[in-house]
Amino acid sequence: QVQLVESGGGLVQPGGSLRLSCAASGRTFSNYAMSWYRQVPGTVHNLVSTITTTGVSTTYLNSVKGRFTISRDNAKSTVYLQMNDLKPEDTATYYCNARTGTNEYWGQGTQVTVSS
């Protein structure tokens, strides 16, 4: 079992920045590929970014490429999402996801609202 706790969400103006954090506990963090998803009410989760176990490889949703950066610190069992140049369409609840093999875990989500 892995417990995931997100933090760092909030209200920000367009063009602003936020850094989301997801702290993991319970199992060996470095065994899990980590991802950030986001969801707007009434829609499905959208995969925003993924980072491999070692952090060597990352992927991004096209609409966030060049603005968002995912990173991880295995020593701190934490994954981050640095979000720059935020746009109103980035408004969503952001969820942290840990996955290895057939095991998958989710955090409770953190709200990001981009509005002037």
C-alpha atoms as a PDB file:
ATOM      1  CA  GLN A   1       0.000   0.000   0.000  1.00  0.00           C
ATOM      2  CA  VAL A   2       1.181   3.501  -0.864  1.00  0.00           C
ATOM      3  CA  GLN A   3      -0.233   6.684   0.605  1.00  0.00           C
ATOM      4  CA  LEU A   4       0.021   9.834  -1.508  1.00  0.00           C
ATOM      5  CA  VAL A   5      -0.566  13.358  -0.229  1.00  0.00           C
ATOM      6  CA  GLU A   6      -0.612  16.278  -2.647  1.00  0.00           C
ATOM      7  CA  SER A   7      -0.035  19.900  -1.725  1.00  0.00           C
ATOM      8  CA  GLY A   8       0.733  23.211  -3.378  1.00  0.00           C
ATOM      9  CA  GLY A   9      -2.500  23.974  -5.171  1.00  0.00           C
ATOM     10  CA  GLY A  10      -4.259  27.297  -4.975  1.00  0.00           C
ATOM     11  CA  LEU A  11      -5.528  30.337  -6.818  1.00  0.00           C
ATOM     12  CA  VAL A  12      -3.139  32.026  -9.221  1.00  0.00           C
ATOM     13  CA  GLN A  13      -3.468  34.651 -11.928  1.00  0.00           C
ATOM     14  CA  PRO A  14      -2.886  33.788 -15.579  1.00  0.00           C
ATOM     15  CA  GLY A  15       0.842  33.728 -16.286  1.00  0.00           C
ATOM     16  CA  GLY A  16       1.645  32.790 -12.722  1.00  0.00           C
ATOM     17  CA  SER A  17       3.361  29.722 -11.313  1.00  0.00           C
ATOM     18  CA  LEU A  18       2.676  26.999  -8.803  1.00  0.00           C
ATOM     19  CA  ARG A  19       4.636  23.974  -7.657  1.00  0.00           C
ATOM     20  CA  LEU A  20       2.686  20.890  -6.685  1.00  0.00           C
ATOM     21  CA  SER A  21       4.205  18.294  -4.392  1.00  0.00           C
ATOM     22  CA  CYS A  22       3.172  14.719  -3.764  1.00  0.00           C
ATOM     23  CA  ALA A  23       4.658  12.992  -0.732  1.00  0.00           C
ATOM     24  CA  ALA A  24       4.547   9.200  -0.705  1.00  0.00           C
ATOM     25  CA  SER A  25       4.759   6.771   2.159  1.00  0.00           C
ATOM     26  CA  GLY A  26       4.265   3.092   2.752  1.00  0.00           C
ATOM     27  CA  ARG A  27       6.386   1.324   0.136  1.00  0.00           C
ATOM     28  CA  THR A  28       9.642   1.867  -1.714  1.00  0.00           C
ATOM     29  CA  PHE A  29       9.001   5.066  -3.626  1.00  0.00           C
ATOM     30  CA  SER A  30      11.708   4.428  -6.192  1.00  0.00           C
ATOM     31  CA  ASN A  31       9.864   1.340  -7.445  1.00  0.00           C
ATOM     32  CA  TYR A  32       6.973   3.426  -8.739  1.00  0.00           C
ATOM     33  CA  ALA A  33       6.538   5.411 -11.904  1.00  0.00           C
ATOM     34  CA  MET A  34       4.853   8.638 -10.871  1.00  0.00           C
ATOM     35  CA  SER A  35       2.318  10.693 -12.753  1.00  0.00           C
ATOM     36  CA  TRP A  36       0.194  13.778 -12.427  1.00  0.00           C
ATOM     37  CA  TYR A  37      -3.361  13.737 -13.735  1.00  0.00           C
ATOM     38  CA  ARG A  38      -5.946  16.468 -13.733  1.00  0.00           C
ATOM     39  CA  GLN A  39      -9.697  16.436 -13.800  1.00  0.00           C
ATOM     40  CA  VAL A  40     -12.380  19.006 -14.425  1.00  0.00           C
ATOM     41  CA  PRO A  41     -15.806  18.161 -12.922  1.00  0.00           C
ATOM     42  CA  GLY A  42     -17.860  16.057 -15.301  1.00  0.00           C
ATOM     43  CA  THR A  43     -14.866  14.830 -17.293  1.00  0.00           C
ATOM     44  CA  VAL A  44     -12.371  11.986 -17.025  1.00  0.00           C
ATOM     45  CA  HIS A  45      -8.872  12.213 -15.622  1.00  0.00           C
ATOM     46  CA  ASN A  46      -6.343  13.517 -18.126  1.00  0.00           C
ATOM     47  CA  LEU A  47      -2.725  12.444 -17.889  1.00  0.00           C
ATOM     48  CA  VAL A  48      -0.585  15.560 -17.531  1.00  0.00           C
ATOM     49  CA  SER A  49       2.893  14.156 -17.010  1.00  0.00           C
ATOM     50  CA  THR A  50       4.774  10.987 -16.104  1.00  0.00           C
ATOM     51  CA  ILE A  51       8.255  10.356 -14.767  1.00  0.00           C
ATOM     52  CA  THR A  52       9.995   6.996 -14.680  1.00  0.00           C
ATOM     53  CA  THR A  53      11.348   5.380 -11.529  1.00  0.00           C
ATOM     54  CA  THR A  54      14.814   6.864 -11.926  1.00  0.00           C
ATOM     55  CA  GLY A  55      13.633  10.176 -13.307  1.00  0.00           C
ATOM     56  CA  VAL A  56      15.530   9.702 -16.545  1.00  0.00           C
ATOM     57  CA  SER A  57      12.454   9.826 -18.770  1.00  0.00           C
ATOM     58  CA  THR A  58       9.475  12.163 -18.680  1.00  0.00           C
ATOM     59  CA  THR A  59       6.393  12.686 -20.824  1.00  0.00           C
ATOM     60  CA  TYR A  60       3.930  15.550 -21.038  1.00  0.00           C
ATOM     61  CA  LEU A  61       0.484  16.391 -22.314  1.00  0.00           C
ATOM     62  CA  ASN A  62       1.002  18.478 -25.448  1.00  0.00           C
ATOM     63  CA  SER A  63      -0.782  21.500 -24.031  1.00  0.00           C
ATOM     64  CA  VAL A  64       1.613  21.754 -21.059  1.00  0.00           C
ATOM     65  CA  LYS A  65       4.899  21.060 -22.848  1.00  0.00           C
ATOM     66  CA  GLY A  66       7.391  23.836 -22.232  1.00  0.00           C
ATOM     67  CA  ARG A  67       5.383  25.158 -19.269  1.00  0.00           C
ATOM     68  CA  PHE A  68       5.247  22.249 -16.802  1.00  0.00           C
ATOM     69  CA  THR A  69       8.161  20.238 -15.442  1.00  0.00           C
ATOM     70  CA  ILE A  70       7.867  16.994 -13.503  1.00  0.00           C
ATOM     71  CA  SER A  71      10.648  15.877 -11.196  1.00  0.00           C
ATOM     72  CA  ARG A  72      11.175  13.488  -8.323  1.00  0.00           C
ATOM     73  CA  ASP A  73      13.383  13.155  -5.290  1.00  0.00           C
ATOM     74  CA  ASN A  74      13.562   9.486  -4.373  1.00  0.00           C
ATOM     75  CA  ALA A  75      15.411  10.275  -1.154  1.00  0.00           C
ATOM     76  CA  LYS A  76      12.439  12.370  -0.033  1.00  0.00           C
ATOM     77  CA  SER A  77       9.810  10.084  -1.605  1.00  0.00           C
ATOM     78  CA  THR A  78       8.319  13.106  -3.323  1.00  0.00           C
ATOM     79  CA  VAL A  79       7.326  13.992  -6.852  1.00  0.00           C
ATOM     80  CA  TYR A  80       6.867  17.579  -8.003  1.00  0.00           C
ATOM     81  CA  LEU A  81       5.084  19.395 -10.791  1.00  0.00           C
ATOM     82  CA  GLN A  82       6.415  22.856 -11.510  1.00  0.00           C
ATOM     83  CA  MET A  83       3.768  24.759 -13.439  1.00  0.00           C
ATOM     84  CA  ASN A  84       4.723  28.026 -15.131  1.00  0.00           C
ATOM     85  CA  ASP A  85       2.806  30.398 -17.384  1.00  0.00           C
ATOM     86  CA  LEU A  86      -0.462  29.024 -16.092  1.00  0.00           C
ATOM     87  CA  LYS A  87      -3.570  29.485 -18.192  1.00  0.00           C
ATOM     88  CA  PRO A  88      -7.257  29.439 -17.234  1.00  0.00           C
ATOM     89  CA  GLU A  89      -7.602  26.111 -19.040  1.00  0.00           C
ATOM     90  CA  ASP A  90      -5.160  24.585 -16.541  1.00  0.00           C
ATOM     91  CA  THR A  91      -7.822  24.965 -13.874  1.00  0.00           C
ATOM     92  CA  ALA A  92      -8.567  21.500 -12.485  1.00  0.00           C
ATOM     93  CA  THR A  93      -8.071  19.182  -9.572  1.00  0.00           C
ATOM     94  CA  TYR A  94      -4.597  17.673  -9.864  1.00  0.00           C
ATOM     95  CA  TYR A  95      -4.000  14.119  -8.706  1.00  0.00           C
ATOM     96  CA  CYS A  96      -0.806  12.261  -7.999  1.00  0.00           C
ATOM     97  CA  ASN A  97      -0.576   8.655  -9.203  1.00  0.00           C
ATOM     98  CA  ALA A  98       1.909   5.902  -8.354  1.00  0.00           C
ATOM     99  CA  ARG A  99       2.091   2.813 -10.517  1.00  0.00           C
ATOM    100  CA  THR A 100       4.107  -0.377 -10.665  1.00  0.00           C
ATOM    101  CA  GLY A 101       3.000  -3.467 -12.494  1.00  0.00           C
ATOM    102  CA  THR A 102      -0.694  -3.908 -11.747  1.00  0.00           C
ATOM    103  CA  ASN A 103      -0.616  -1.834  -8.554  1.00  0.00           C
ATOM    104  CA  GLU A 104      -1.835   1.733  -8.770  1.00  0.00           C
ATOM    105  CA  TYR A 105      -2.456   4.347  -6.090  1.00  0.00           C
ATOM    106  CA  TRP A 106      -3.989   7.825  -6.080  1.00  0.00           C
ATOM    107  CA  GLY A 107      -3.765  10.868  -3.889  1.00  0.00           C
ATOM    108  CA  GLN A 108      -6.770  12.892  -2.770  1.00  0.00           C
ATOM    109  CA  GLY A 109      -6.127  15.745  -5.198  1.00  0.00           C
ATOM    110  CA  THR A 110      -5.267  19.401  -4.921  1.00  0.00           C
ATOM    111  CA  GLN A 111      -7.229  22.186  -6.584  1.00  0.00           C
ATOM    112  CA  VAL A 112      -5.548  24.569  -8.998  1.00  0.00           C
ATOM    113  CA  THR A 113      -7.540  27.592 -10.113  1.00  0.00           C
ATOM    114  CA  VAL A 114      -6.152  30.016 -12.681  1.00  0.00           C
ATOM    115  CA  SER A 115      -8.189  33.188 -12.788  1.00  0.00           C
ATOM    116  CA  SER A 116      -7.807  36.931 -12.788  1.00  0.00           C
END
